[in-house]
Protein backbone atom coordinates (compact mmCIF):
# COMPACT_ATOMS: atom_id res chain seq x y z
CA MET A 1 -9.56 -111.84 22.76
CA ALA A 2 -6.78 -114.20 21.62
CA LYS A 3 -4.07 -111.53 22.34
CA THR A 4 -4.97 -111.39 26.19
CA MET A 5 -5.84 -115.17 26.71
CA HIS A 6 -2.28 -116.15 27.30
CA ARG A 7 -0.85 -113.26 29.47
CA ASP A 8 -0.90 -115.06 32.76
CA ARG A 9 0.65 -118.38 31.89
CA GLU A 10 4.41 -119.57 31.78
CA LEU A 11 6.48 -119.86 28.72
CA THR A 12 6.56 -123.40 29.14
CA ASP A 13 2.67 -123.46 28.65
CA LEU A 14 2.98 -122.27 25.13
CA PRO A 15 2.98 -124.91 22.38
CA GLY A 16 6.63 -126.11 21.47
CA ILE A 17 8.15 -124.24 24.53
CA GLY A 18 10.20 -126.36 26.89
CA ARG A 19 12.47 -125.49 29.56
CA ALA A 20 15.60 -125.19 27.37
CA VAL A 21 13.72 -122.79 24.96
CA ALA A 22 12.20 -120.98 27.77
CA GLU A 23 15.59 -120.23 29.47
CA ASP A 24 16.74 -118.79 25.90
CA LEU A 25 13.78 -116.64 25.97
CA ARG A 26 14.37 -115.60 29.23
CA ARG A 27 18.19 -114.64 28.29
CA ILE A 28 16.76 -112.30 25.89
CA GLY A 29 14.36 -110.61 28.51
CA VAL A 30 10.94 -112.55 27.64
CA ARG A 31 9.60 -113.43 31.11
CA ALA A 32 5.96 -114.36 30.00
CA PRO A 33 3.98 -114.99 27.08
CA ARG A 34 2.59 -111.68 26.94
CA ASP A 35 6.17 -110.47 26.37
CA LEU A 36 5.95 -112.20 22.80
CA ALA A 37 2.92 -110.19 21.79
CA GLY A 38 3.47 -108.35 18.51
CA ARG A 39 7.28 -109.11 18.62
CA ASP A 40 9.42 -109.98 15.64
CA PRO A 41 10.42 -113.48 16.13
CA TYR A 42 13.51 -113.23 13.62
CA ALA A 43 14.72 -110.33 15.73
CA LEU A 44 14.38 -112.42 18.89
CA TYR A 45 16.48 -115.25 17.38
CA ASP A 46 19.15 -112.66 16.32
CA LYS A 47 19.36 -111.35 19.81
CA LEU A 48 19.68 -114.89 21.14
CA ASN A 49 22.47 -115.34 18.80
CA ARG A 50 24.12 -112.11 19.81
CA VAL A 51 23.71 -112.60 23.66
CA THR A 52 24.83 -116.01 23.53
CA GLY A 53 27.84 -115.52 21.21
CA GLN A 54 26.48 -118.51 19.04
CA ARG A 55 24.18 -119.31 16.16
CA HIS A 56 21.56 -121.32 17.34
CA ASP A 57 19.89 -124.19 15.26
CA PRO A 58 17.27 -122.54 12.78
CA CYS A 59 14.59 -124.84 14.71
CA VAL A 60 14.83 -122.49 17.64
CA LEU A 61 13.76 -119.61 15.19
CA ASP A 62 10.79 -121.79 14.10
CA THR A 63 9.85 -122.42 17.58
CA PHE A 64 10.05 -118.39 18.25
CA ILE A 65 7.88 -117.89 15.02
CA GLY A 66 5.26 -120.46 16.48
CA ALA A 67 5.15 -118.97 20.07
CA VAL A 68 4.76 -115.49 18.68
CA ARG A 69 1.86 -116.34 16.21
CA TYR A 70 0.39 -118.35 18.93
CA VAL A 71 0.23 -115.60 21.28
CA ASP A 72 -0.83 -113.23 18.70
CA GLY A 73 -3.75 -115.29 18.18
CA ALA A 74 -2.86 -118.10 15.72
CA PRO A 75 -3.73 -121.90 16.45
CA ALA A 76 -1.10 -124.00 18.03
CA ARG A 77 1.02 -125.52 15.53
CA PRO A 78 4.30 -127.58 15.73
CA TRP A 79 7.54 -125.56 15.18
CA TRP A 80 8.19 -127.52 11.95
CA HIS A 81 4.91 -125.86 10.37
CA TYR A 82 7.13 -122.61 10.26
CA THR A 83 10.37 -124.05 8.63
CA ARG A 84 8.96 -123.18 5.15
CA GLU A 85 8.33 -119.84 6.00
CA ARG A 86 11.63 -119.38 7.58
CA LYS A 87 13.34 -120.54 4.84
CA ARG A 88 11.45 -118.09 2.45
CA VAL A 89 11.99 -115.24 4.58
CA LEU A 90 15.72 -115.86 5.00
CA ALA A 91 16.33 -116.60 1.30
CA ALA A 92 14.73 -113.16 0.33
CA GLN A 93 17.45 -111.48 2.73
CA PRO A 94 20.70 -110.08 0.96
CA ALA A 95 23.74 -112.52 1.18
CA ALA A 96 25.67 -110.10 3.69
CA ALA A 97 22.49 -110.10 6.40
CA LYS A 98 22.55 -113.90 6.05
CA ARG A 99 26.12 -114.11 7.09
CA SER A 100 26.05 -111.46 9.70
CA PRO A 101 25.26 -112.61 13.41
CA ARG A 102 23.74 -109.26 13.86
CA ASN A 103 21.08 -109.08 11.35
CA SER A 104 19.41 -105.75 10.49
CA ARG A 105 15.68 -106.79 10.92
CA ASN A 106 13.63 -104.91 13.08
CA PRO A 107 15.15 -104.28 16.59
CA VAL A 108 13.92 -106.20 19.51
């Protein structure tokens, strides 16, 4: 089953996740790929921005989307595959939510 096949791997075994992004994920409590299963990548990105006190490059969000989708069973794809989706989702948000470093999407 796709949802369980990645449970014993390291974060850096996931497509697009290198040491730096793995460290970002650990900062927000994600220790293993299984911790990404069913999570909201937008909420993870918002939490990273809050925890670090800075707005990270949107490509980090694309990478989070790809990692969550992969753990949830999607095929491995490069982070830029998710750029169009990210832009579409964020464009649909109210302007106040886009400016706020603490977005009101699903909590992590």
